[in-house]
Amino acid sequence: MPKGIWREFENPAQNSSAKKSLDIKSKVDQLVRVQRLRGGRGGKTVTIITGLDLSDIELRKLLKKLKTKCGTGGTLKAENIELQGDQVQSAIEFLKKDGFHPKQSGG
């Protein structure tokens, strides 16, 4: 083995974050869907935003802005944003202003 190739103390966490930043698409290229659902939530309507290819920190910041804009509660579940109530139009308008290209899915 040649000298200089062995890296005993390499940090694998730095490598995975560098790979993730390369995989993240630009905001316009992402296929973002906004839909309204009621099933399985005791009759309560929720708005679900899927297809956001952002890091965990960026998702939380976006969720905070959306909750403030819509004046409602919300949460992150499995890289999807859930907002309480029928907030489809508000969410689409906000995401367009933020640089995404969202589309409404479902009814």
C-alpha atoms as a PDB file:
ATOM      1  CA  MET A   1       0.000   0.000   0.000  1.00  0.00           C
ATOM      2  CA  PRO A   2       1.454   3.408  -0.978  1.00  0.00           C
ATOM      3  CA  LYS A   3       2.054   6.070   1.644  1.00  0.00           C
ATOM      4  CA  GLY A   4      -0.560   8.755   2.238  1.00  0.00           C
ATOM      5  CA  ILE A   5      -3.687   6.761   1.350  1.00  0.00           C
ATOM      6  CA  TRP A   6      -4.501   5.417   4.811  1.00  0.00           C
ATOM      7  CA  ARG A   7      -7.015   7.603   6.681  1.00  0.00           C
ATOM      8  CA  GLU A   8      -7.633   6.158  10.070  1.00  0.00           C
ATOM      9  CA  PHE A   9      -9.341   9.159  11.655  1.00  0.00           C
ATOM     10  CA  GLU A  10     -11.611  10.217   8.811  1.00  0.00           C
ATOM     11  CA  ASN A  11     -15.005  11.528   9.936  1.00  0.00           C
ATOM     12  CA  PRO A  12     -17.771   9.628   8.054  1.00  0.00           C
ATOM     13  CA  ALA A  13     -20.421  12.178   9.126  1.00  0.00           C
ATOM     14  CA  GLN A  14     -18.722  14.899   7.077  1.00  0.00           C
ATOM     15  CA  ASN A  15     -18.745  12.715   3.979  1.00  0.00           C
ATOM     16  CA  SER A  16     -22.458  11.907   4.221  1.00  0.00           C
ATOM     17  CA  SER A  17     -23.439  15.571   4.620  1.00  0.00           C
ATOM     18  CA  ALA A  18     -21.320  16.510   1.607  1.00  0.00           C
ATOM     19  CA  LYS A  19     -23.021  13.822  -0.487  1.00  0.00           C
ATOM     20  CA  LYS A  20     -26.475  14.967   0.670  1.00  0.00           C
ATOM     21  CA  SER A  21     -25.791  18.589  -0.310  1.00  0.00           C
ATOM     22  CA  LEU A  22     -24.829  17.452  -3.813  1.00  0.00           C
ATOM     23  CA  ASP A  23     -28.034  15.412  -4.162  1.00  0.00           C
ATOM     24  CA  ILE A  24     -30.370  18.288  -3.229  1.00  0.00           C
ATOM     25  CA  LYS A  25     -32.098  19.699  -6.316  1.00  0.00           C
ATOM     26  CA  SER A  26     -32.764  23.366  -6.915  1.00  0.00           C
ATOM     27  CA  LYS A  27     -36.143  24.641  -5.741  1.00  0.00           C
ATOM     28  CA  VAL A  28     -37.576  24.963  -9.260  1.00  0.00           C
ATOM     29  CA  ASP A  29     -36.608  21.396 -10.247  1.00  0.00           C
ATOM     30  CA  GLN A  30     -38.385  19.773  -7.289  1.00  0.00           C
ATOM     31  CA  LEU A  31     -41.777  18.153  -7.834  1.00  0.00           C
ATOM     32  CA  VAL A  32     -43.727  19.673  -4.926  1.00  0.00           C
ATOM     33  CA  ARG A  33     -47.318  18.529  -4.390  1.00  0.00           C
ATOM     34  CA  VAL A  34     -49.874  20.130  -2.077  1.00  0.00           C
ATOM     35  CA  GLN A  35     -52.995  18.163  -1.205  1.00  0.00           C
ATOM     36  CA  ARG A  36     -55.913  18.224   1.205  1.00  0.00           C
ATOM     37  CA  LEU A  37     -56.749  15.047   3.171  1.00  0.00           C
ATOM     38  CA  ARG A  38     -59.347  14.050   5.764  1.00  0.00           C
ATOM     39  CA  GLY A  39     -59.095  10.280   6.033  1.00  0.00           C
ATOM     40  CA  GLY A  40     -57.907   8.708   9.259  1.00  0.00           C
ATOM     41  CA  ARG A  41     -57.803  11.943  11.223  1.00  0.00           C
ATOM     42  CA  GLY A  42     -61.189  11.913  12.918  1.00  0.00           C
ATOM     43  CA  GLY A  43     -62.806  14.077  10.236  1.00  0.00           C
ATOM     44  CA  LYS A  44     -60.220  16.849  10.577  1.00  0.00           C
ATOM     45  CA  THR A  45     -58.846  18.337   7.357  1.00  0.00           C
ATOM     46  CA  VAL A  46     -55.076  18.625   6.923  1.00  0.00           C
ATOM     47  CA  THR A  47     -52.922  19.998   4.116  1.00  0.00           C
ATOM     48  CA  ILE A  48     -49.936  17.835   3.199  1.00  0.00           C
ATOM     49  CA  ILE A  49     -46.924  19.137   1.268  1.00  0.00           C
ATOM     50  CA  THR A  50     -44.753  16.417  -0.279  1.00  0.00           C
ATOM     51  CA  GLY A  51     -41.718  16.323  -2.549  1.00  0.00           C
ATOM     52  CA  LEU A  52     -39.558  18.847  -0.724  1.00  0.00           C
ATOM     53  CA  ASP A  53     -35.946  17.742  -1.096  1.00  0.00           C
ATOM     54  CA  LEU A  54     -34.503  19.870   1.700  1.00  0.00           C
ATOM     55  CA  SER A  55     -32.317  19.188   4.700  1.00  0.00           C
ATOM     56  CA  ASP A  56     -33.973  18.727   8.087  1.00  0.00           C
ATOM     57  CA  ILE A  57     -33.016  22.230   9.237  1.00  0.00           C
ATOM     58  CA  GLU A  58     -34.348  23.849   6.063  1.00  0.00           C
ATOM     59  CA  LEU A  59     -37.609  21.868   6.353  1.00  0.00           C
ATOM     60  CA  ARG A  60     -38.102  23.110   9.908  1.00  0.00           C
ATOM     61  CA  LYS A  61     -37.479  26.728   8.839  1.00  0.00           C
ATOM     62  CA  LEU A  62     -39.955  26.377   5.971  1.00  0.00           C
ATOM     63  CA  LEU A  63     -42.523  24.812   8.317  1.00  0.00           C
ATOM     64  CA  LYS A  64     -42.141  27.722  10.735  1.00  0.00           C
ATOM     65  CA  LYS A  65     -42.697  30.253   7.922  1.00  0.00           C
ATOM     66  CA  LEU A  66     -45.727  28.351   6.589  1.00  0.00           C
ATOM     67  CA  LYS A  67     -47.327  28.108  10.025  1.00  0.00           C
ATOM     68  CA  THR A  68     -46.843  31.844  10.544  1.00  0.00           C
ATOM     69  CA  LYS A  69     -48.215  32.692   7.082  1.00  0.00           C
ATOM     70  CA  CYS A  70     -51.278  30.444   7.412  1.00  0.00           C
ATOM     71  CA  GLY A  71     -51.885  31.159  11.099  1.00  0.00           C
ATOM     72  CA  THR A  72     -52.249  27.498  11.950  1.00  0.00           C
ATOM     73  CA  GLY A  73     -50.427  24.577  13.524  1.00  0.00           C
ATOM     74  CA  GLY A  74     -48.392  22.003  11.695  1.00  0.00           C
ATOM     75  CA  THR A  75     -45.724  19.329  11.932  1.00  0.00           C
ATOM     76  CA  LEU A  76     -43.108  17.353  10.026  1.00  0.00           C
ATOM     77  CA  LYS A  77     -43.863  13.690   9.382  1.00  0.00           C
ATOM     78  CA  ALA A  78     -41.480  11.571   7.298  1.00  0.00           C
ATOM     79  CA  GLU A  79     -40.072  14.546   5.326  1.00  0.00           C
ATOM     80  CA  ASN A  80     -43.620  15.805   4.587  1.00  0.00           C
ATOM     81  CA  ILE A  81     -45.135  18.975   5.997  1.00  0.00           C
ATOM     82  CA  GLU A  82     -48.623  18.702   7.516  1.00  0.00           C
ATOM     83  CA  LEU A  83     -50.624  21.860   8.188  1.00  0.00           C
ATOM     84  CA  GLN A  84     -53.880  21.880  10.136  1.00  0.00           C
ATOM     85  CA  GLY A  85     -56.963  22.824   8.139  1.00  0.00           C
ATOM     86  CA  ASP A  86     -57.555  23.558   4.465  1.00  0.00           C
ATOM     87  CA  GLN A  87     -54.484  25.681   3.661  1.00  0.00           C
ATOM     88  CA  VAL A  88     -53.886  24.555   0.052  1.00  0.00           C
ATOM     89  CA  GLN A  89     -54.154  27.946  -1.666  1.00  0.00           C
ATOM     90  CA  SER A  90     -52.146  29.761   1.023  1.00  0.00           C
ATOM     91  CA  ALA A  91     -49.414  27.129   0.910  1.00  0.00           C
ATOM     92  CA  ILE A  92     -49.205  27.194  -2.905  1.00  0.00           C
ATOM     93  CA  GLU A  93     -48.950  31.007  -2.956  1.00  0.00           C
ATOM     94  CA  PHE A  94     -46.253  30.988  -0.279  1.00  0.00           C
ATOM     95  CA  LEU A  95     -44.224  28.247  -1.967  1.00  0.00           C
ATOM     96  CA  LYS A  96     -44.353  30.087  -5.311  1.00  0.00           C
ATOM     97  CA  LYS A  97     -43.051  33.266  -3.660  1.00  0.00           C
ATOM     98  CA  ASP A  98     -40.317  31.212  -1.993  1.00  0.00           C
ATOM     99  CA  GLY A  99     -39.089  29.896  -5.364  1.00  0.00           C
ATOM    100  CA  PHE A 100     -40.675  26.448  -5.558  1.00  0.00           C
ATOM    101  CA  HIS A 101     -42.950  25.203  -8.345  1.00  0.00           C
ATOM    102  CA  PRO A 102     -45.870  23.598  -6.414  1.00  0.00           C
ATOM    103  CA  LYS A 103     -48.916  21.915  -7.878  1.00  0.00           C
ATOM    104  CA  GLN A 104     -52.179  20.936  -6.229  1.00  0.00           C
ATOM    105  CA  SER A 105     -52.863  17.220  -6.221  1.00  0.00           C
ATOM    106  CA  GLY A 106     -56.077  15.477  -5.320  1.00  0.00           C
ATOM    107  CA  GLY A 107     -59.484  17.134  -5.240  1.00  0.00           C
END
